[in-house]
PDB file of N, CA and C in Angstrom:
ATOM      1  N   CYS A   1       6.782  -0.650   3.041  1.00  0.00           N
ATOM      2  CA  CYS A   1       8.114  -0.175   2.757  1.00  0.00           C
ATOM      3  C   CYS A   1       9.017  -0.312   3.971  1.00  0.00           C
ATOM      4  N   LEU A   2       8.856  -1.375   4.719  1.00  0.00           N
ATOM      5  CA  LEU A   2       9.654  -1.550   5.925  1.00  0.00           C
ATOM      6  C   LEU A   2      11.102  -1.893   5.625  1.00  0.00           C
ATOM      7  N   ASN A   3      11.418  -2.199   4.365  1.00  0.00           N
ATOM      8  CA  ASN A   3      12.802  -2.506   4.026  1.00  0.00           C
ATOM      9  C   ASN A   3      13.601  -1.245   3.680  1.00  0.00           C
ATOM     10  N   LEU A   4      12.976  -0.082   3.760  1.00  0.00           N
ATOM     11  CA  LEU A   4      13.673   1.174   3.498  1.00  0.00           C
ATOM     12  C   LEU A   4      14.335   1.683   4.774  1.00  0.00           C
ATOM     13  N   PRO A   5      15.423   2.444   4.636  1.00  0.00           N
ATOM     14  CA  PRO A   5      16.020   3.073   5.813  1.00  0.00           C
ATOM     15  C   PRO A   5      15.005   4.018   6.473  1.00  0.00           C
ATOM     16  N   MET A   6      15.147   4.232   7.775  1.00  0.00           N
ATOM     17  CA  MET A   6      14.175   5.035   8.525  1.00  0.00           C
ATOM     18  C   MET A   6      13.982   6.434   7.946  1.00  0.00           C
ATOM     19  N   HIS A   7      15.037   7.063   7.440  1.00  0.00           N
ATOM     20  CA  HIS A   7      14.896   8.429   6.944  1.00  0.00           C
ATOM     21  C   HIS A   7      14.133   8.497   5.617  1.00  0.00           C
ATOM     22  N   LEU A   8      13.927   7.357   4.951  1.00  0.00           N
ATOM     23  CA  LEU A   8      13.179   7.312   3.690  1.00  0.00           C
ATOM     24  C   LEU A   8      11.802   6.676   3.836  1.00  0.00           C
ATOM     25  N   ARG A   9      11.595   5.950   4.895  1.00  0.00           N
ATOM     26  CA  ARG A   9      10.419   5.094   5.040  1.00  0.00           C
ATOM     27  C   ARG A   9       9.095   5.837   4.931  1.00  0.00           C
ATOM     28  N   TYR A  10       8.985   7.003   5.534  1.00  0.00           N
ATOM     29  CA  TYR A  10       7.697   7.692   5.582  1.00  0.00           C
ATOM     30  C   TYR A  10       7.627   8.904   4.659  1.00  0.00           C
ATOM     31  N   LEU A  11       8.484   8.964   3.671  1.00  0.00           N
ATOM     32  CA  LEU A  11       8.370  10.012   2.660  1.00  0.00           C
ATOM     33  C   LEU A  11       7.153   9.732   1.781  1.00  0.00           C
ATOM     34  N   GLU A  12       6.543  10.785   1.276  1.00  0.00           N
ATOM     35  CA  GLU A  12       5.313  10.652   0.496  1.00  0.00           C
ATOM     36  C   GLU A  12       5.464   9.700  -0.692  1.00  0.00           C
ATOM     37  N   GLU A  13       6.597   9.758  -1.376  1.00  0.00           N
ATOM     38  CA  GLU A  13       6.776   8.909  -2.559  1.00  0.00           C
ATOM     39  C   GLU A  13       6.934   7.427  -2.212  1.00  0.00           C
ATOM     40  N   ASN A  14       7.117   7.109  -0.943  1.00  0.00           N
ATOM     41  CA  ASN A  14       7.257   5.720  -0.514  1.00  0.00           C
ATOM     42  C   ASN A  14       6.030   5.199   0.222  1.00  0.00           C
ATOM     43  N   MET A  15       4.947   5.960   0.201  1.00  0.00           N
ATOM     44  CA  MET A  15       3.725   5.577   0.908  1.00  0.00           C
ATOM     45  C   MET A  15       2.642   5.207  -0.101  1.00  0.00           C
ATOM     46  N   TYR A  16       1.726   4.358   0.319  1.00  0.00           N
ATOM     47  CA  TYR A  16       0.552   4.020  -0.479  1.00  0.00           C
ATOM     48  C   TYR A  16      -0.663   4.326   0.376  1.00  0.00           C
ATOM     49  N   LEU A  17      -1.353   5.418   0.059  1.00  0.00           N
ATOM     50  CA  LEU A  17      -2.544   5.790   0.806  1.00  0.00           C
ATOM     51  C   LEU A  17      -3.700   4.959   0.292  1.00  0.00           C
ATOM     52  N   ALA A  18      -4.137   4.027   1.097  1.00  0.00           N
ATOM     53  CA  ALA A  18      -5.209   3.130   0.689  1.00  0.00           C
ATOM     54  C   ALA A  18      -6.550   3.840   0.693  1.00  0.00           C
ATOM     55  N   GLY A  19      -6.722   4.801   1.551  1.00  0.00           N
ATOM     56  CA  GLY A  19      -7.970   5.538   1.620  1.00  0.00           C
ATOM     57  C   GLY A  19      -8.177   6.107   3.003  1.00  0.00           C
ATOM     58  N   ILE A  20      -9.139   6.981   3.091  1.00  0.00           N
ATOM     59  CA  ILE A  20      -9.494   7.593   4.362  1.00  0.00           C
ATOM     60  C   ILE A  20     -10.976   7.363   4.573  1.00  0.00           C
ATOM     61  N   VAL A  21     -11.322   6.741   5.682  1.00  0.00           N
ATOM     62  CA  VAL A  21     -12.716   6.468   6.003  1.00  0.00           C
ATOM     63  C   VAL A  21     -13.203   7.596   6.908  1.00  0.00           C
ATOM     64  N   PRO A  22     -14.207   8.367   6.459  1.00  0.00           N
ATOM     65  CA  PRO A  22     -14.676   9.490   7.264  1.00  0.00           C
ATOM     66  C   PRO A  22     -15.408   9.033   8.523  1.00  0.00           C
ATOM     67  N   GLY A  23     -15.394   9.877   9.532  1.00  0.00           N
ATOM     68  CA  GLY A  23     -16.053   9.592  10.804  1.00  0.00           C
ATOM     69  C   GLY A  23     -17.390  10.287  10.862  1.00  0.00           C
ATOM     70  N   PRO A  24     -17.955  10.487  12.022  1.00  0.00           N
ATOM     71  CA  PRO A  24     -17.372  10.321  13.348  1.00  0.00           C
ATOM     72  C   PRO A  24     -17.532   8.911  13.905  1.00  0.00           C
ATOM     73  N   ASN A  25     -18.311   8.063  13.257  1.00  0.00           N
ATOM     74  CA  ASN A  25     -18.525   6.699  13.757  1.00  0.00           C
ATOM     75  C   ASN A  25     -17.788   5.696  12.894  1.00  0.00           C
ATOM     76  N   ALA A  26     -17.518   4.545  13.463  1.00  0.00           N
ATOM     77  CA  ALA A  26     -16.878   3.472  12.695  1.00  0.00           C
ATOM     78  C   ALA A  26     -17.829   3.010  11.595  1.00  0.00           C
ATOM     79  N   PRO A  27     -17.298   2.688  10.415  1.00  0.00           N
ATOM     80  CA  PRO A  27     -18.168   2.227   9.327  1.00  0.00           C
ATOM     81  C   PRO A  27     -18.678   0.814   9.589  1.00  0.00           C
ATOM     82  N   THR A  28     -19.815   0.497   8.980  1.00  0.00           N
ATOM     83  CA  THR A  28     -20.311  -0.877   9.039  1.00  0.00           C
ATOM     84  C   THR A  28     -19.445  -1.730   8.119  1.00  0.00           C
ATOM     85  N   LEU A  29     -19.567  -3.030   8.228  1.00  0.00           N
ATOM     86  CA  LEU A  29     -18.793  -3.912   7.353  1.00  0.00           C
ATOM     87  C   LEU A  29     -19.158  -3.695   5.891  1.00  0.00           C
ATOM     88  N   ASP A  30     -20.425  -3.442   5.616  1.00  0.00           N
ATOM     89  CA  ASP A  30     -20.844  -3.194   4.238  1.00  0.00           C
ATOM     90  C   ASP A  30     -20.205  -1.915   3.700  1.00  0.00           C
ATOM     91  N   GLN A  31     -20.176  -0.869   4.518  1.00  0.00           N
ATOM     92  CA  GLN A  31     -19.540   0.378   4.099  1.00  0.00           C
ATOM     93  C   GLN A  31     -18.042   0.193   3.907  1.00  0.00           C
ATOM     94  N   LEU A  32     -17.427  -0.576   4.782  1.00  0.00           N
ATOM     95  CA  LEU A  32     -15.991  -0.814   4.683  1.00  0.00           C
ATOM     96  C   LEU A  32     -15.644  -1.614   3.432  1.00  0.00           C
ATOM     97  N   ASN A  33     -16.511  -2.516   3.029  1.00  0.00           N
ATOM     98  CA  ASN A  33     -16.272  -3.286   1.807  1.00  0.00           C
ATOM     99  C   ASN A  33     -16.181  -2.380   0.588  1.00  0.00           C
ATOM    100  N   HIS A  34     -16.969  -1.304   0.564  1.00  0.00           N
ATOM    101  CA  HIS A  34     -16.910  -0.368  -0.564  1.00  0.00           C
ATOM    102  C   HIS A  34     -15.558   0.332  -0.632  1.00  0.00           C
ATOM    103  N   VAL A  35     -14.901   0.477   0.501  1.00  0.00           N
ATOM    104  CA  VAL A  35     -13.577   1.086   0.539  1.00  0.00           C
ATOM    105  C   VAL A  35     -12.512   0.065   0.156  1.00  0.00           C
ATOM    106  N   LEU A  36     -12.677  -1.175   0.611  1.00  0.00           N
ATOM    107  CA  LEU A  36     -11.643  -2.190   0.420  1.00  0.00           C
ATOM    108  C   LEU A  36     -11.605  -2.788  -0.982  1.00  0.00           C
ATOM    109  N   VAL A  37     -12.723  -2.843  -1.672  1.00  0.00           N
ATOM    110  CA  VAL A  37     -12.757  -3.474  -3.000  1.00  0.00           C
ATOM    111  C   VAL A  37     -11.774  -2.814  -3.971  1.00  0.00           C
ATOM    112  N   PRO A  38     -11.737  -1.482  -4.110  1.00  0.00           N
ATOM    113  CA  PRO A  38     -10.744  -0.887  -5.022  1.00  0.00           C
ATOM    114  C   PRO A  38      -9.303  -1.153  -4.589  1.00  0.00           C
ATOM    115  N   LEU A  39      -9.059  -1.182  -3.288  1.00  0.00           N
ATOM    116  CA  LEU A  39      -7.713  -1.466  -2.790  1.00  0.00           C
ATOM    117  C   LEU A  39      -7.292  -2.883  -3.154  1.00  0.00           C
ATOM    118  N   VAL A  40      -8.164  -3.836  -2.931  1.00  0.00           N
ATOM    119  CA  VAL A  40      -7.856  -5.225  -3.266  1.00  0.00           C
ATOM    120  C   VAL A  40      -7.667  -5.373  -4.771  1.00  0.00           C
ATOM    121  N   ASP A  41      -8.465  -4.667  -5.561  1.00  0.00           N
ATOM    122  CA  ASP A  41      -8.300  -4.708  -7.020  1.00  0.00           C
ATOM    123  C   ASP A  41      -6.916  -4.205  -7.430  1.00  0.00           C
ATOM    124  N   ASP A  42      -6.445  -3.124  -6.788  1.00  0.00           N
ATOM    125  CA  ASP A  42      -5.101  -2.610  -7.087  1.00  0.00           C
ATOM    126  C   ASP A  42      -4.032  -3.637  -6.749  1.00  0.00           C
ATOM    127  N   PHE A  43      -4.164  -4.285  -5.600  1.00  0.00           N
ATOM    128  CA  PHE A  43      -3.177  -5.291  -5.208  1.00  0.00           C
ATOM    129  C   PHE A  43      -3.228  -6.514  -6.120  1.00  0.00           C
ATOM    130  N   CYS A  44      -4.406  -6.871  -6.600  1.00  0.00           N
ATOM    131  CA  CYS A  44      -4.516  -8.012  -7.519  1.00  0.00           C
ATOM    132  C   CYS A  44      -3.797  -7.728  -8.837  1.00  0.00           C
ATOM    133  N   GLU A  45      -3.844  -6.484  -9.297  1.00  0.00           N
ATOM    134  CA  GLU A  45      -3.125  -6.122 -10.522  1.00  0.00           C
ATOM    135  C   GLU A  45      -1.623  -6.290 -10.339  1.00  0.00           C
ATOM    136  N   ALA A  46      -1.123  -6.008  -9.148  1.00  0.00           N
ATOM    137  CA  ALA A  46       0.310  -6.176  -8.879  1.00  0.00           C
ATOM    138  C   ALA A  46       0.662  -7.647  -8.668  1.00  0.00           C
ATOM    139  N   TRP A  47      -0.273  -8.429  -8.168  1.00  0.00           N
ATOM    140  CA  TRP A  47      -0.019  -9.838  -7.864  1.00  0.00           C
ATOM    141  C   TRP A  47       0.137 -10.670  -9.130  1.00  0.00           C
ATOM    142  N   ASN A  48      -0.708 -10.416 -10.105  1.00  0.00           N
ATOM    143  CA  ASN A  48      -0.674 -11.207 -11.326  1.00  0.00           C
ATOM    144  C   ASN A  48      -0.456 -10.260 -12.494  1.00  0.00           C
ATOM    145  N   PRO A  49       0.651 -10.197 -13.129  1.00  0.00           N
ATOM    146  CA  PRO A  49       1.703 -11.188 -13.265  1.00  0.00           C
ATOM    147  C   PRO A  49       2.810 -11.092 -12.232  1.00  0.00           C
ATOM    148  N   GLY A  50       2.724 -10.162 -11.303  1.00  0.00           N
ATOM    149  CA  GLY A  50       3.756 -10.040 -10.284  1.00  0.00           C
ATOM    150  C   GLY A  50       4.519  -8.740 -10.424  1.00  0.00           C
ATOM    151  N   VAL A  51       5.309  -8.461  -9.430  1.00  0.00           N
ATOM    152  CA  VAL A  51       6.121  -7.249  -9.415  1.00  0.00           C
ATOM    153  C   VAL A  51       7.572  -7.678  -9.359  1.00  0.00           C
ATOM    154  N   TYR A  52       8.365  -7.184 -10.274  1.00  0.00           N
ATOM    155  CA  TYR A  52       9.783  -7.522 -10.322  1.00  0.00           C
ATOM    156  C   TYR A  52      10.565  -6.419  -9.628  1.00  0.00           C
ATOM    157  N   ILE A  53      11.218  -6.743  -8.528  1.00  0.00           N
ATOM    158  CA  ILE A  53      11.977  -5.767  -7.753  1.00  0.00           C
ATOM    159  C   ILE A  53      13.453  -5.986  -8.026  1.00  0.00           C
ATOM    160  N   THR A  54      14.108  -4.947  -8.518  1.00  0.00           N
ATOM    161  CA  THR A  54      15.517  -5.086  -8.880  1.00  0.00           C
ATOM    162  C   THR A  54      16.457  -4.576  -7.803  1.00  0.00           C
ATOM    163  N   ARG A  55      15.965  -3.684  -6.925  1.00  0.00           N
ATOM    164  CA  ARG A  55      16.828  -3.133  -5.877  1.00  0.00           C
ATOM    165  C   ARG A  55      16.039  -3.011  -4.580  1.00  0.00           C
ATOM    166  N   THR A  56      16.727  -3.124  -3.462  1.00  0.00           N
ATOM    167  CA  THR A  56      16.145  -2.880  -2.151  1.00  0.00           C
ATOM    168  C   THR A  56      17.108  -2.004  -1.362  1.00  0.00           C
ATOM    169  N   ALA A  57      16.691  -1.580  -0.184  1.00  0.00           N
ATOM    170  CA  ALA A  57      17.570  -0.760   0.649  1.00  0.00           C
ATOM    171  C   ALA A  57      18.813  -1.542   1.051  1.00  0.00           C
ATOM    172  N   GLY A  58      18.656  -2.844   1.279  1.00  0.00           N
ATOM    173  CA  GLY A  58      19.794  -3.671   1.668  1.00  0.00           C
ATOM    174  C   GLY A  58      20.707  -4.036   0.515  1.00  0.00           C
ATOM    175  N   ARG A  59      20.183  -4.032  -0.694  1.00  0.00           N
ATOM    176  CA  ARG A  59      20.950  -4.372  -1.901  1.00  0.00           C
ATOM    177  C   ARG A  59      20.709  -3.323  -2.974  1.00  0.00           C
ATOM    178  N   PRO A  60      21.232  -2.099  -2.811  1.00  0.00           N
ATOM    179  CA  PRO A  60      20.959  -1.038  -3.784  1.00  0.00           C
ATOM    180  C   PRO A  60      21.507  -1.330  -5.175  1.00  0.00           C
ATOM    181  N   GLY A  61      22.479  -2.224  -5.282  1.00  0.00           N
ATOM    182  CA  GLY A  61      23.012  -2.581  -6.591  1.00  0.00           C
ATOM    183  C   GLY A  61      22.239  -3.690  -7.274  1.00  0.00           C
ATOM    184  N   GLY A  62      21.250  -4.241  -6.615  1.00  0.00           N
ATOM    185  CA  GLY A  62      20.426  -5.308  -7.197  1.00  0.00           C
ATOM    186  C   GLY A  62      20.746  -6.659  -6.669  1.00  0.00           C
TER     187      GLY A  62
END
């Protein structure tokens, strides 16, 4: 959401929490894959057929 004005950029409704990886140690690549697969699946749903954006911060009228 880097195209949003600074005062809106980090509001909860403009964030996408991909996940939280618990500690205290860094996960292995295999463990990290279990976290990333659902995230990639979500992005694939948006990729095909695509996302139609009608307004942006720079062009609020479309």
